Amino acid sequence: MERNSLTPSTPLTASGSPLDHPAVAPQTDSATLTDVALHLFRWRGYDAVTTDQIAATAGVTPQDFARHFATKDAVIMSLADEISHAGVAALARVAPNRDPLDALFSVHAETLTAIVNGVGVMTRERLVALAHILTAQRHLREQVRDLRRRVFAVPLAECTGVAPDERRMRVAFTTWAAIVTGSYNYFNGVGLFNNASFGPSGDGRVPEVMVRRLKETFVEVTGREPPRQAIESALAPWEWGA
């Protein structure tokens, strides 16, 4: 996947368009529209951006945009869908009959680690932008939670041997949602994305911080450590218990 050509340091005009945005061909694809949308969301705020503005910045008509995405929420959900399906693929590397919650942690840690290492389903820039938006938008977090349950229910049941309708599986999904929400609340509470160290020149650290905070929130919610092997590689720059 090509890296985002729009960086957080790109200046904007009064209308919200990047001053140095290159001309975009009429055949603009969904990947380009996604990157343009993420750029505008981060600079202007999610609520302030319209689909018409995204289309205009990308150099296409609103009708062209609608051929790829019905709404601006759909842009975000397409990225959440990519991450969720990457997690499902990672289930193939989870030992059978594992606890469902441990399996969810393992595949999400693997997915984030792959992105951190530059070999994931999306770029680090997209992950940072996605986390920034989800931190501020509760309705999108709820949509992502429901998407995750739909995408994972059957594959997770096949991996763990726990049926989708069993209480143990329902508790795992509910607990995982609490862990993710706790992580987002932490990011929002400390102003992670407004902190200078995580600005345009420091955003590259955000994925690592996300993995570390996921581990810490897992401990806070469950009272136990997550599967150690799941995130050792992601936390290599730090001591496990630090």
Protein backbone atom coordinates (compact mmCIF):
# COMPACT_ATOMS: atom_id res chain seq x y z
CA MET A 1 0.00 0.00 0.00
CA GLU A 2 1.39 3.40 -0.90
CA ARG A 3 2.28 5.78 1.87
CA ASN A 4 0.23 8.86 2.46
CA SER A 5 1.55 11.73 0.35
CA LEU A 6 -0.13 14.24 2.65
CA THR A 7 1.84 14.78 5.83
CA PRO A 8 0.52 16.43 9.03
CA SER A 9 2.81 19.38 8.32
CA THR A 10 1.12 20.27 5.02
CA PRO A 11 -0.41 23.78 5.39
CA LEU A 12 -4.03 24.39 4.52
CA THR A 13 -5.89 27.19 2.81
CA ALA A 14 -8.82 28.91 4.51
CA SER A 15 -11.13 26.46 2.75
CA GLY A 16 -9.28 23.52 4.27
CA SER A 17 -7.39 22.39 1.19
CA PRO A 18 -3.64 21.72 1.44
CA LEU A 19 -1.79 24.61 -0.20
CA ASP A 20 0.58 22.31 -2.05
CA HIS A 21 -1.83 19.48 -2.79
CA PRO A 22 -0.98 18.02 -6.22
CA ALA A 23 -3.52 17.67 -8.98
CA VAL A 24 -5.41 14.39 -8.69
CA ALA A 25 -6.50 12.41 -11.72
CA PRO A 26 -10.22 11.84 -12.28
CA GLN A 27 -9.57 8.13 -11.69
CA THR A 28 -8.76 8.80 -8.02
CA ASP A 29 -8.95 5.53 -6.12
CA SER A 30 -10.26 4.81 -2.63
CA ALA A 31 -6.73 4.76 -1.17
CA THR A 32 -6.07 8.34 -2.28
CA LEU A 33 -9.46 9.51 -1.03
CA THR A 34 -8.77 7.83 2.30
CA ASP A 35 -5.46 9.63 2.72
CA VAL A 36 -6.99 12.99 1.76
CA ALA A 37 -9.84 12.43 4.21
CA LEU A 38 -7.52 11.45 7.08
CA HIS A 39 -5.40 14.51 6.46
CA LEU A 40 -8.41 16.83 6.61
CA PHE A 41 -9.85 15.07 9.66
CA ARG A 42 -6.62 15.58 11.58
CA TRP A 43 -6.17 19.21 10.58
CA ARG A 44 -9.73 20.50 10.74
CA GLY A 45 -11.42 18.06 13.11
CA TYR A 46 -13.68 15.21 12.13
CA ASP A 47 -16.96 17.03 12.71
CA ALA A 48 -15.89 20.05 10.65
CA VAL A 49 -15.08 18.08 7.47
CA THR A 50 -17.72 17.21 4.87
CA THR A 51 -17.62 14.68 2.07
CA ASP A 52 -17.84 17.56 -0.40
CA GLN A 53 -14.68 19.07 1.09
CA ILE A 54 -12.88 15.75 0.85
CA ALA A 55 -13.89 15.41 -2.79
CA ALA A 56 -12.86 18.98 -3.61
CA THR A 57 -9.47 18.55 -1.95
CA ALA A 58 -8.91 15.32 -3.87
CA GLY A 59 -9.89 17.01 -7.11
CA VAL A 60 -12.96 14.88 -7.79
CA THR A 61 -16.71 15.44 -7.74
CA PRO A 62 -18.92 14.47 -4.78
CA GLN A 63 -20.40 11.80 -7.05
CA ASP A 64 -16.94 10.34 -7.61
CA PHE A 65 -16.37 10.25 -3.85
CA ALA A 66 -19.73 8.54 -3.31
CA ARG A 67 -18.72 5.75 -5.68
CA HIS A 68 -16.09 4.77 -3.13
CA PHE A 69 -17.61 5.81 0.20
CA ALA A 70 -21.23 6.49 1.10
CA THR A 71 -20.26 8.70 4.06
CA LYS A 72 -17.17 9.99 5.83
CA ASP A 73 -17.83 7.38 8.54
CA ALA A 74 -17.39 4.77 5.81
CA VAL A 75 -13.82 5.96 5.29
CA ILE A 76 -12.98 5.21 8.91
CA MET A 77 -14.87 1.94 8.95
CA SER A 78 -12.99 0.72 5.88
CA LEU A 79 -9.75 1.09 7.84
CA ALA A 80 -11.25 -0.62 10.88
CA ASP A 81 -12.36 -3.43 8.59
CA GLU A 82 -8.79 -3.83 7.27
CA ILE A 83 -7.41 -4.13 10.80
CA SER A 84 -10.15 -6.54 11.87
CA HIS A 85 -9.56 -8.88 8.93
CA ALA A 86 -5.81 -8.73 9.53
CA GLY A 87 -6.58 -9.87 13.07
CA VAL A 88 -8.70 -12.74 11.78
CA ALA A 89 -5.82 -13.82 9.54
CA ALA A 90 -3.53 -13.75 12.58
CA LEU A 91 -5.78 -16.25 14.34
CA ALA A 92 -4.14 -18.93 12.19
CA ARG A 93 -1.00 -18.39 14.29
CA VAL A 94 -2.77 -18.64 17.64
CA ALA A 95 -2.54 -21.99 19.43
CA PRO A 96 -5.90 -23.82 19.37
CA ASN A 97 -8.19 -23.84 22.38
CA ARG A 98 -6.73 -20.65 23.84
CA ASP A 99 -8.83 -18.41 26.05
CA PRO A 100 -10.88 -16.14 23.72
CA LEU A 101 -9.74 -12.96 25.46
CA ASP A 102 -6.08 -13.99 25.24
CA ALA A 103 -6.58 -14.80 21.56
CA LEU A 104 -8.09 -11.36 20.92
CA PHE A 105 -5.16 -9.72 22.65
CA SER A 106 -2.63 -11.79 20.72
CA VAL A 107 -4.00 -11.03 17.27
CA HIS A 108 -4.45 -7.32 17.93
CA ALA A 109 -0.93 -7.05 19.36
CA GLU A 110 0.43 -8.88 16.31
CA THR A 111 -1.51 -6.61 13.96
CA LEU A 112 -0.23 -3.44 15.66
CA THR A 113 3.31 -4.80 15.81
CA ALA A 114 3.29 -5.50 12.08
CA ILE A 115 2.21 -1.91 11.42
CA VAL A 116 4.91 -0.61 13.78
CA ASN A 117 7.49 -2.64 11.83
CA GLY A 118 6.26 -1.32 8.48
CA VAL A 119 4.87 -4.63 7.22
CA GLY A 120 1.28 -4.33 8.40
CA VAL A 121 -2.06 -3.93 6.73
CA MET A 122 -1.69 -0.14 6.71
CA THR A 123 0.98 2.48 7.23
CA ARG A 124 1.91 3.86 10.62
CA GLU A 125 0.58 7.23 9.45
CA ARG A 126 -2.86 5.79 8.82
CA LEU A 127 -2.86 4.02 12.17
CA VAL A 128 -1.97 7.23 14.00
CA ALA A 129 -4.71 9.13 12.17
CA LEU A 130 -7.24 6.38 12.84
CA ALA A 131 -6.42 6.29 16.55
CA HIS A 132 -6.64 10.09 16.74
CA ILE A 133 -10.12 10.08 15.19
CA LEU A 134 -11.47 7.14 17.20
CA THR A 135 -10.24 8.73 20.41
CA ALA A 136 -12.46 11.74 19.74
CA GLN A 137 -15.49 10.05 18.17
CA ARG A 138 -17.54 7.81 20.44
CA HIS A 139 -20.04 6.83 17.75
CA LEU A 140 -17.21 5.52 15.59
CA ARG A 141 -15.77 3.53 18.49
CA GLU A 142 -19.18 1.91 18.94
CA GLN A 143 -19.37 1.06 15.24
CA VAL A 144 -15.88 -0.44 15.37
CA ARG A 145 -16.86 -2.52 18.42
CA ASP A 146 -19.86 -3.96 16.57
CA LEU A 147 -17.76 -4.58 13.45
CA ARG A 148 -15.14 -6.42 15.46
CA ARG A 149 -17.75 -8.72 16.97
CA ARG A 150 -19.25 -9.51 13.55
CA VAL A 151 -15.91 -10.17 11.89
CA PHE A 152 -14.36 -12.20 14.71
CA ALA A 153 -17.30 -14.22 16.07
CA VAL A 154 -17.08 -17.32 13.90
CA PRO A 155 -13.29 -17.42 13.25
CA LEU A 156 -12.57 -16.88 16.95
CA ALA A 157 -15.00 -19.65 17.88
CA GLU A 158 -13.28 -22.03 15.45
CA CYS A 159 -9.85 -21.13 16.87
CA THR A 160 -10.71 -21.34 20.56
CA GLY A 161 -13.39 -24.03 20.55
CA VAL A 162 -15.80 -21.67 22.33
CA ALA A 163 -19.13 -21.19 20.55
CA PRO A 164 -20.13 -17.61 19.60
CA ASP A 165 -23.24 -17.74 21.80
CA GLU A 166 -21.49 -19.12 24.88
CA ARG A 167 -21.25 -16.81 27.87
CA ARG A 168 -17.46 -17.14 27.91
CA MET A 169 -17.27 -15.74 24.38
CA ARG A 170 -19.69 -12.90 25.14
CA VAL A 171 -17.65 -11.97 28.21
CA ALA A 172 -14.45 -12.00 26.13
CA PHE A 173 -15.87 -9.53 23.60
CA THR A 174 -17.29 -7.30 26.33
CA THR A 175 -14.02 -7.33 28.25
CA TRP A 176 -12.00 -6.62 25.12
CA ALA A 177 -14.25 -3.65 24.33
CA ALA A 178 -13.57 -2.33 27.85
CA ILE A 179 -9.81 -2.75 27.34
CA VAL A 180 -9.89 -0.88 24.03
CA THR A 181 -12.12 1.86 25.49
CA GLY A 182 -9.79 2.21 28.45
CA SER A 183 -6.86 2.68 26.10
CA TYR A 184 -8.71 5.35 24.11
CA ASN A 185 -9.74 7.14 27.31
CA TYR A 186 -6.10 7.17 28.39
CA PHE A 187 -4.99 8.70 25.09
CA ASN A 188 -7.68 11.34 25.40
CA GLY A 189 -6.99 12.01 29.08
CA VAL A 190 -3.28 12.64 28.64
CA GLY A 191 -3.79 14.60 25.44
CA LEU A 192 -1.58 12.14 23.57
CA PHE A 193 -2.24 13.60 20.15
CA ASN A 194 -1.91 17.20 21.34
CA ASN A 195 1.40 16.58 23.08
CA ALA A 196 4.36 18.08 21.25
CA SER A 197 6.28 14.81 21.45
CA PHE A 198 3.56 13.20 19.38
CA GLY A 199 3.19 16.01 16.88
CA PRO A 200 4.19 15.92 13.21
CA SER A 201 7.80 15.15 14.04
CA GLY A 202 7.06 12.56 16.72
CA ASP A 203 3.95 10.68 15.57
CA GLY A 204 6.04 7.65 14.72
CA ARG A 205 6.12 6.73 18.42
CA VAL A 206 2.35 6.52 18.74
CA PRO A 207 1.94 2.91 17.51
CA GLU A 208 4.46 1.65 20.09
CA VAL A 209 2.71 3.61 22.83
CA MET A 210 -0.61 2.13 21.70
CA VAL A 211 0.73 -1.43 22.06
CA ARG A 212 2.21 -0.70 25.47
CA ARG A 213 -0.97 0.96 26.72
CA LEU A 214 -3.04 -1.97 25.43
CA LYS A 215 -0.96 -4.29 27.61
CA GLU A 216 -1.29 -2.01 30.64
CA THR A 217 -5.05 -1.64 30.22
CA PHE A 218 -5.41 -5.42 29.87
CA VAL A 219 -3.81 -5.76 33.31
CA GLU A 220 -5.99 -3.01 34.79
CA VAL A 221 -9.23 -4.55 33.50
CA THR A 222 -8.51 -8.25 34.03
CA GLY A 223 -6.12 -8.20 36.98
CA ARG A 224 -3.64 -10.46 35.16
CA GLU A 225 -0.91 -10.24 32.56
CA PRO A 226 -1.77 -10.82 28.88
CA PRO A 227 -0.01 -13.61 26.94
CA ARG A 228 3.66 -12.66 27.31
CA GLN A 229 4.76 -13.88 23.90
CA ALA A 230 2.07 -11.80 22.18
CA ILE A 231 3.79 -8.44 22.64
CA GLU A 232 7.42 -9.11 23.58
CA SER A 233 8.57 -8.13 20.10
CA ALA A 234 6.44 -4.97 20.12
CA LEU A 235 7.85 -3.90 23.48
CA ALA A 236 11.44 -4.80 22.65
CA PRO A 237 12.72 -1.22 23.32
CA TRP A 238 11.41 -1.49 26.89
CA GLU A 239 11.65 -4.00 29.71
CA TRP A 240 8.52 -6.19 29.89
CA GLY A 241 7.58 -5.06 33.35
CA ALA A 242 8.75 -1.47 33.04
